[in-house]
């Protein structure tokens, strides 16, 4: 490790990351993160303003 550089912490458990599983420390933590995405615990915000009414689909012509 280079002086002045810290090893980043795993975002799941906080342990130092392993280059083979970066940014995680292990396959287990990578799988936990994937499970959270698949179970929709993580979401990407919708770019539409929340006070806008949902648009109705256009009828087929």
N, C-alpha and C. Protein backbone atom coordinates (compact mmCIF):
# COMPACT_ATOMS: atom_id res chain seq x y z
N UNK A 1 0.84 -1.18 0.00
CA UNK A 1 0.00 0.00 0.00
C UNK A 1 0.89 1.24 0.00
N UNK A 2 0.49 2.22 -0.76
CA UNK A 2 1.23 3.46 -0.88
C UNK A 2 0.93 4.35 0.32
N UNK A 3 1.96 4.99 0.89
CA UNK A 3 1.70 5.89 2.03
C UNK A 3 0.71 6.98 1.65
N UNK A 4 -0.21 7.27 2.53
CA UNK A 4 -1.20 8.30 2.30
C UNK A 4 -2.44 7.81 1.57
N UNK A 5 -2.45 6.55 1.11
CA UNK A 5 -3.62 5.99 0.41
C UNK A 5 -4.26 4.95 1.30
N UNK A 6 -5.54 5.05 1.47
CA UNK A 6 -6.27 4.07 2.26
C UNK A 6 -6.96 3.09 1.34
N UNK A 7 -7.09 1.86 1.81
CA UNK A 7 -7.86 0.88 1.06
C UNK A 7 -9.32 1.20 1.27
N UNK A 8 -10.11 1.31 0.19
CA UNK A 8 -11.52 1.62 0.37
C UNK A 8 -12.24 0.52 1.13
N UNK A 9 -13.27 0.91 1.82
CA UNK A 9 -14.04 -0.04 2.62
C UNK A 9 -15.17 -0.65 1.78
N UNK A 10 -15.49 -1.89 2.07
CA UNK A 10 -16.60 -2.57 1.42
C UNK A 10 -17.90 -1.84 1.79
N UNK A 11 -18.75 -1.51 0.81
CA UNK A 11 -19.97 -0.78 1.12
C UNK A 11 -21.00 -1.62 1.89
N UNK A 12 -20.83 -2.93 1.96
CA UNK A 12 -21.78 -3.79 2.66
C UNK A 12 -21.36 -3.99 4.12
N UNK A 13 -20.09 -4.39 4.35
CA UNK A 13 -19.68 -4.73 5.72
C UNK A 13 -18.61 -3.82 6.31
N UNK A 14 -17.95 -3.01 5.47
CA UNK A 14 -16.96 -2.06 5.97
C UNK A 14 -15.53 -2.59 6.02
N UNK A 15 -15.31 -3.87 5.70
CA UNK A 15 -13.95 -4.42 5.70
C UNK A 15 -13.20 -3.90 4.47
N UNK A 16 -11.87 -4.00 4.47
CA UNK A 16 -11.10 -3.58 3.29
C UNK A 16 -11.50 -4.39 2.06
N UNK A 17 -11.49 -3.74 0.90
CA UNK A 17 -11.89 -4.42 -0.33
C UNK A 17 -10.82 -5.39 -0.81
N UNK A 18 -11.25 -6.36 -1.59
CA UNK A 18 -10.36 -7.32 -2.23
C UNK A 18 -10.37 -6.98 -3.72
N UNK A 19 -9.21 -6.82 -4.35
CA UNK A 19 -9.18 -6.45 -5.77
C UNK A 19 -9.99 -7.41 -6.66
N UNK A 20 -10.10 -8.65 -6.28
CA UNK A 20 -10.85 -9.62 -7.09
C UNK A 20 -12.36 -9.36 -7.06
N UNK A 21 -12.84 -8.69 -6.01
CA UNK A 21 -14.28 -8.46 -5.85
C UNK A 21 -14.63 -6.98 -5.74
N UNK A 22 -13.71 -6.13 -6.12
CA UNK A 22 -13.88 -4.70 -5.97
C UNK A 22 -15.21 -4.21 -6.51
N UNK A 23 -15.96 -3.40 -5.84
CA UNK A 23 -15.64 -2.64 -4.63
C UNK A 23 -15.99 -3.37 -3.35
N UNK A 24 -16.19 -4.68 -3.41
CA UNK A 24 -16.57 -5.45 -2.23
C UNK A 24 -15.36 -6.20 -1.68
N UNK A 25 -15.54 -6.82 -0.51
CA UNK A 25 -14.45 -7.57 0.12
C UNK A 25 -14.51 -9.05 -0.23
N UNK A 26 -15.68 -9.52 -0.67
CA UNK A 26 -15.84 -10.95 -0.95
C UNK A 26 -17.01 -11.17 -1.91
N UNK A 27 -17.11 -12.40 -2.39
CA UNK A 27 -18.23 -12.77 -3.25
C UNK A 27 -19.54 -12.65 -2.49
N UNK A 28 -19.52 -12.97 -1.19
CA UNK A 28 -20.73 -12.89 -0.37
C UNK A 28 -21.28 -11.47 -0.35
N UNK A 29 -20.43 -10.47 -0.12
CA UNK A 29 -20.90 -9.09 -0.09
C UNK A 29 -21.38 -8.64 -1.47
N UNK A 30 -20.73 -9.10 -2.54
CA UNK A 30 -21.18 -8.77 -3.88
C UNK A 30 -22.57 -9.36 -4.12
N UNK A 31 -22.80 -10.59 -3.64
CA UNK A 31 -24.10 -11.23 -3.79
C UNK A 31 -25.18 -10.54 -2.96
N UNK A 32 -24.82 -10.08 -1.77
CA UNK A 32 -25.78 -9.34 -0.94
C UNK A 32 -26.21 -8.07 -1.67
N UNK A 33 -25.26 -7.36 -2.27
CA UNK A 33 -25.57 -6.14 -3.00
C UNK A 33 -26.46 -6.44 -4.20
N UNK A 34 -26.16 -7.49 -4.95
CA UNK A 34 -26.99 -7.87 -6.09
C UNK A 34 -28.41 -8.20 -5.63
N UNK A 35 -28.53 -8.93 -4.52
CA UNK A 35 -29.84 -9.26 -3.99
C UNK A 35 -30.64 -8.03 -3.62
N UNK A 36 -29.98 -7.03 -3.09
CA UNK A 36 -30.68 -5.79 -2.75
C UNK A 36 -31.21 -5.10 -4.00
N UNK A 37 -30.43 -5.10 -5.09
CA UNK A 37 -30.91 -4.52 -6.34
C UNK A 37 -32.09 -5.32 -6.87
N UNK A 38 -31.97 -6.64 -6.87
CA UNK A 38 -33.03 -7.49 -7.43
C UNK A 38 -34.32 -7.42 -6.62
N UNK A 39 -34.21 -7.19 -5.31
CA UNK A 39 -35.40 -7.07 -4.46
C UNK A 39 -35.89 -5.63 -4.35
N UNK A 40 -35.31 -4.75 -5.17
CA UNK A 40 -35.69 -3.34 -5.27
C UNK A 40 -35.53 -2.56 -3.97
N UNK A 41 -34.52 -2.94 -3.16
CA UNK A 41 -34.20 -2.12 -1.99
C UNK A 41 -33.47 -0.86 -2.41
N UNK A 42 -32.75 -0.93 -3.52
CA UNK A 42 -32.10 0.24 -4.10
C UNK A 42 -32.96 0.69 -5.27
N UNK A 43 -33.12 1.98 -5.42
CA UNK A 43 -33.86 2.51 -6.56
C UNK A 43 -33.13 3.73 -7.11
N UNK A 44 -33.29 3.94 -8.39
CA UNK A 44 -32.75 5.13 -9.04
C UNK A 44 -33.92 6.11 -9.16
N UNK A 45 -33.77 7.34 -8.66
CA UNK A 45 -34.88 8.29 -8.68
C UNK A 45 -35.39 8.55 -10.09
N UNK A 46 -36.69 8.73 -10.19
CA UNK A 46 -37.34 9.04 -11.45
C UNK A 46 -37.07 10.51 -11.78
N UNK A 47 -36.67 10.82 -13.02
CA UNK A 47 -36.36 12.21 -13.35
C UNK A 47 -37.58 13.12 -13.38
N UNK A 48 -38.81 12.57 -13.47
CA UNK A 48 -40.00 13.41 -13.47
C UNK A 48 -40.23 13.97 -12.07
N UNK A 49 -40.75 15.17 -12.04
CA UNK A 49 -41.05 15.79 -10.75
C UNK A 49 -42.17 15.00 -10.06
N UNK A 50 -42.09 14.81 -8.75
CA UNK A 50 -43.09 14.00 -8.06
C UNK A 50 -44.49 14.63 -8.06
N UNK A 51 -44.61 15.95 -8.26
CA UNK A 51 -45.93 16.58 -8.24
C UNK A 51 -46.63 16.53 -9.60
N UNK A 52 -45.94 16.02 -10.63
CA UNK A 52 -46.58 15.89 -11.94
C UNK A 52 -47.54 14.71 -11.94
N UNK A 53 -48.68 14.90 -12.59
CA UNK A 53 -49.63 13.81 -12.73
C UNK A 53 -49.10 12.82 -13.75
N UNK A 54 -49.29 11.53 -13.54
CA UNK A 54 -48.82 10.57 -14.53
C UNK A 54 -49.55 10.76 -15.86
N UNK A 55 -48.79 10.60 -16.93
CA UNK A 55 -49.37 10.78 -18.26
C UNK A 55 -50.15 9.54 -18.65
N UNK A 56 -51.27 9.77 -19.31
CA UNK A 56 -52.08 8.68 -19.82
C UNK A 56 -51.46 8.20 -21.12
N UNK A 57 -51.49 6.88 -21.37
CA UNK A 57 -50.97 6.41 -22.66
C UNK A 57 -51.83 6.93 -23.80
N UNK A 58 -51.19 7.25 -24.91
CA UNK A 58 -51.92 7.76 -26.07
C UNK A 58 -52.68 6.61 -26.73
N UNK A 59 -53.93 6.87 -27.14
CA UNK A 59 -54.70 5.82 -27.80
C UNK A 59 -54.10 5.50 -29.16
N UNK A 60 -54.23 4.23 -29.55
CA UNK A 60 -53.75 3.84 -30.87
C UNK A 60 -54.62 4.45 -31.93
N UNK A 61 -54.02 4.94 -32.98
CA UNK A 61 -54.80 5.59 -34.06
C UNK A 61 -55.34 4.59 -35.04
